[in-house]
Amino acid sequence: MKKDDDYITPNEINKYSYCPYQWYYEKIYGIKQLRARKRQLNEQMGYTDSSKSNFARGIAFHNNHRYIPVGRIIWRIVILLVVAAVLFLLAHYFYGFPLALVQPTSPLYRWLN
């Protein structure tokens, strides 16, 4: 046995109640050797690293796939359109630019009618 104690801690009781086999193998081999064996088996089977959290895998996925936050882009387009409208109205107020795109005096207006 790796650990030959005369007493059992509450943590060991908790581990035993969760899984008696896990508790037994930790007592026999130790946690470091079990983790090394698990890593070795996962590499042989071609599994991904199970110690990597879902959050870290999600961040890596979005970085690899050029994730574009659509909400942020739409928000920027809305702001740009509002600024353009305000500038257009200010130009009309100060410089008298026409609000209509086709004026009655333009050749395009005559052609359309």
C-alpha atoms as a PDB file:
ATOM      1  CA  MET A   1       0.000   0.000   0.000  1.00  0.00           C
ATOM      2  CA  LYS A   2       1.147   3.486  -0.779  1.00  0.00           C
ATOM      3  CA  LYS A   3      -0.421   5.066   2.272  1.00  0.00           C
ATOM      4  CA  ASP A   4      -0.389   2.959   5.437  1.00  0.00           C
ATOM      5  CA  ASP A   5      -2.335   5.064   7.935  1.00  0.00           C
ATOM      6  CA  ASP A   6      -3.960   3.793  11.087  1.00  0.00           C
ATOM      7  CA  TYR A   7      -6.973   6.082  10.652  1.00  0.00           C
ATOM      8  CA  ILE A   8      -9.450   6.939   7.926  1.00  0.00           C
ATOM      9  CA  THR A   9     -10.228  10.568   7.241  1.00  0.00           C
ATOM     10  CA  PRO A  10     -13.709  11.935   6.455  1.00  0.00           C
ATOM     11  CA  ASN A  11     -12.462  12.669   2.953  1.00  0.00           C
ATOM     12  CA  GLU A  12     -11.636   8.986   2.464  1.00  0.00           C
ATOM     13  CA  ILE A  13     -15.088   8.006   3.722  1.00  0.00           C
ATOM     14  CA  ASN A  14     -16.605  10.399   1.211  1.00  0.00           C
ATOM     15  CA  LYS A  15     -14.496   8.937  -1.614  1.00  0.00           C
ATOM     16  CA  TYR A  16     -15.433   5.411  -0.542  1.00  0.00           C
ATOM     17  CA  SER A  17     -19.144   6.222  -0.474  1.00  0.00           C
ATOM     18  CA  TYR A  18     -18.851   7.705  -3.965  1.00  0.00           C
ATOM     19  CA  CYS A  19     -16.908   4.806  -5.480  1.00  0.00           C
ATOM     20  CA  PRO A  20     -15.271   2.012  -3.446  1.00  0.00           C
ATOM     21  CA  TYR A  21     -13.094   0.958  -6.389  1.00  0.00           C
ATOM     22  CA  GLN A  22     -11.706   4.459  -6.851  1.00  0.00           C
ATOM     23  CA  TRP A  23     -10.931   4.703  -3.158  1.00  0.00           C
ATOM     24  CA  TYR A  24      -9.210   1.298  -3.230  1.00  0.00           C
ATOM     25  CA  TYR A  25      -7.056   2.080  -6.278  1.00  0.00           C
ATOM     26  CA  GLU A  26      -6.050   5.454  -4.848  1.00  0.00           C
ATOM     27  CA  LYS A  27      -4.952   3.713  -1.667  1.00  0.00           C
ATOM     28  CA  ILE A  28      -2.980   1.097  -3.621  1.00  0.00           C
ATOM     29  CA  TYR A  29      -1.415   3.129  -6.441  1.00  0.00           C
ATOM     30  CA  GLY A  30      -1.781   6.787  -5.525  1.00  0.00           C
ATOM     31  CA  ILE A  31      -3.505   9.540  -7.464  1.00  0.00           C
ATOM     32  CA  LYS A  32      -0.458  10.579  -9.529  1.00  0.00           C
ATOM     33  CA  GLN A  33       0.062   7.101 -10.939  1.00  0.00           C
ATOM     34  CA  LEU A  34      -3.660   6.727 -11.699  1.00  0.00           C
ATOM     35  CA  ARG A  35      -3.742  10.050 -13.560  1.00  0.00           C
ATOM     36  CA  ALA A  36      -0.650   9.107 -15.554  1.00  0.00           C
ATOM     37  CA  ARG A  37      -2.245   5.781 -16.482  1.00  0.00           C
ATOM     38  CA  LYS A  38      -5.484   7.515 -17.500  1.00  0.00           C
ATOM     39  CA  ARG A  39      -3.564   9.994 -19.671  1.00  0.00           C
ATOM     40  CA  GLN A  40      -1.680   7.123 -21.299  1.00  0.00           C
ATOM     41  CA  LEU A  41      -4.881   5.189 -22.045  1.00  0.00           C
ATOM     42  CA  ASN A  42      -6.574   8.294 -23.466  1.00  0.00           C
ATOM     43  CA  GLU A  43      -3.639   8.921 -25.795  1.00  0.00           C
ATOM     44  CA  GLN A  44      -3.725   5.308 -26.980  1.00  0.00           C
ATOM     45  CA  MET A  45      -7.458   5.510 -27.671  1.00  0.00           C
ATOM     46  CA  GLY A  46      -7.171   8.947 -29.341  1.00  0.00           C
ATOM     47  CA  TYR A  47      -9.401  10.792 -26.864  1.00  0.00           C
ATOM     48  CA  THR A  48      -9.046  14.514 -26.259  1.00  0.00           C
ATOM     49  CA  ASP A  49      -7.678  15.857 -23.011  1.00  0.00           C
ATOM     50  CA  SER A  50     -10.480  15.449 -20.499  1.00  0.00           C
ATOM     51  CA  SER A  51      -8.888  17.878 -18.057  1.00  0.00           C
ATOM     52  CA  LYS A  52      -9.590  20.762 -20.448  1.00  0.00           C
ATOM     53  CA  SER A  53     -12.770  22.492 -19.362  1.00  0.00           C
ATOM     54  CA  ASN A  54     -15.767  23.074 -21.591  1.00  0.00           C
ATOM     55  CA  PHE A  55     -15.173  26.812 -21.290  1.00  0.00           C
ATOM     56  CA  ALA A  56     -11.602  26.521 -22.585  1.00  0.00           C
ATOM     57  CA  ARG A  57     -12.744  24.261 -25.436  1.00  0.00           C
ATOM     58  CA  GLY A  58     -15.454  26.782 -26.373  1.00  0.00           C
ATOM     59  CA  ILE A  59     -12.969  29.658 -26.432  1.00  0.00           C
ATOM     60  CA  ALA A  60     -10.622  27.613 -28.623  1.00  0.00           C
ATOM     61  CA  PHE A  61     -13.498  26.711 -30.960  1.00  0.00           C
ATOM     62  CA  HIS A  62     -14.549  30.330 -31.439  1.00  0.00           C
ATOM     63  CA  ASN A  63     -10.968  31.484 -31.949  1.00  0.00           C
ATOM     64  CA  ASN A  64     -10.394  28.801 -34.583  1.00  0.00           C
ATOM     65  CA  HIS A  65     -13.641  29.465 -36.444  1.00  0.00           C
ATOM     66  CA  ARG A  66     -13.432  33.263 -36.503  1.00  0.00           C
ATOM     67  CA  TYR A  67     -16.562  33.712 -34.444  1.00  0.00           C
ATOM     68  CA  ILE A  68     -18.245  37.027 -35.310  1.00  0.00           C
ATOM     69  CA  PRO A  69     -20.613  38.443 -32.724  1.00  0.00           C
ATOM     70  CA  VAL A  70     -23.606  39.319 -34.915  1.00  0.00           C
ATOM     71  CA  GLY A  71     -25.282  41.468 -32.279  1.00  0.00           C
ATOM     72  CA  ARG A  72     -22.268  43.757 -32.069  1.00  0.00           C
ATOM     73  CA  ILE A  73     -22.145  44.191 -35.846  1.00  0.00           C
ATOM     74  CA  ILE A  74     -25.870  44.990 -36.061  1.00  0.00           C
ATOM     75  CA  TRP A  75     -25.516  47.487 -33.223  1.00  0.00           C
ATOM     76  CA  ARG A  76     -22.673  49.254 -35.048  1.00  0.00           C
ATOM     77  CA  ILE A  77     -24.671  49.399 -38.290  1.00  0.00           C
ATOM     78  CA  VAL A  78     -27.656  50.924 -36.449  1.00  0.00           C
ATOM     79  CA  ILE A  79     -25.433  53.546 -34.844  1.00  0.00           C
ATOM     80  CA  LEU A  80     -23.853  54.349 -38.225  1.00  0.00           C
ATOM     81  CA  LEU A  81     -27.285  54.778 -39.851  1.00  0.00           C
ATOM     82  CA  VAL A  82     -28.496  57.042 -37.041  1.00  0.00           C
ATOM     83  CA  VAL A  83     -25.371  59.207 -37.307  1.00  0.00           C
ATOM     84  CA  ALA A  84     -25.795  59.406 -41.096  1.00  0.00           C
ATOM     85  CA  ALA A  85     -29.453  60.440 -40.705  1.00  0.00           C
ATOM     86  CA  VAL A  86     -28.575  63.123 -38.170  1.00  0.00           C
ATOM     87  CA  LEU A  87     -25.837  64.491 -40.443  1.00  0.00           C
ATOM     88  CA  PHE A  88     -28.222  64.477 -43.405  1.00  0.00           C
ATOM     89  CA  LEU A  89     -30.857  66.415 -41.421  1.00  0.00           C
ATOM     90  CA  LEU A  90     -28.255  68.895 -40.178  1.00  0.00           C
ATOM     91  CA  ALA A  91     -27.025  69.436 -43.733  1.00  0.00           C
ATOM     92  CA  HIS A  92     -30.597  70.065 -44.883  1.00  0.00           C
ATOM     93  CA  TYR A  93     -31.222  72.506 -42.065  1.00  0.00           C
ATOM     94  CA  PHE A  94     -28.026  74.522 -42.496  1.00  0.00           C
ATOM     95  CA  TYR A  95     -27.296  74.242 -46.216  1.00  0.00           C
ATOM     96  CA  GLY A  96     -30.747  73.598 -47.688  1.00  0.00           C
ATOM     97  CA  PHE A  97     -29.979  70.212 -49.247  1.00  0.00           C
ATOM     98  CA  PRO A  98     -33.170  68.612 -50.549  1.00  0.00           C
ATOM     99  CA  LEU A  99     -34.716  65.870 -48.446  1.00  0.00           C
ATOM    100  CA  ALA A 100     -36.093  64.037 -51.457  1.00  0.00           C
ATOM    101  CA  LEU A 101     -33.639  62.068 -53.548  1.00  0.00           C
ATOM    102  CA  VAL A 102     -35.402  62.959 -56.827  1.00  0.00           C
ATOM    103  CA  GLN A 103     -36.431  66.620 -57.240  1.00  0.00           C
ATOM    104  CA  PRO A 104     -39.176  67.711 -59.657  1.00  0.00           C
ATOM    105  CA  THR A 105     -36.656  69.790 -61.603  1.00  0.00           C
ATOM    106  CA  SER A 106     -34.229  66.941 -62.248  1.00  0.00           C
ATOM    107  CA  PRO A 107     -34.097  65.015 -65.554  1.00  0.00           C
ATOM    108  CA  LEU A 108     -34.539  61.754 -63.649  1.00  0.00           C
ATOM    109  CA  TYR A 109     -37.857  62.970 -62.250  1.00  0.00           C
ATOM    110  CA  ARG A 110     -39.055  63.940 -65.731  1.00  0.00           C
ATOM    111  CA  TRP A 111     -37.920  60.582 -67.114  1.00  0.00           C
ATOM    112  CA  LEU A 112     -39.732  58.644 -64.387  1.00  0.00           C
ATOM    113  CA  ASN A 113     -42.994  60.514 -64.945  1.00  0.00           C
END
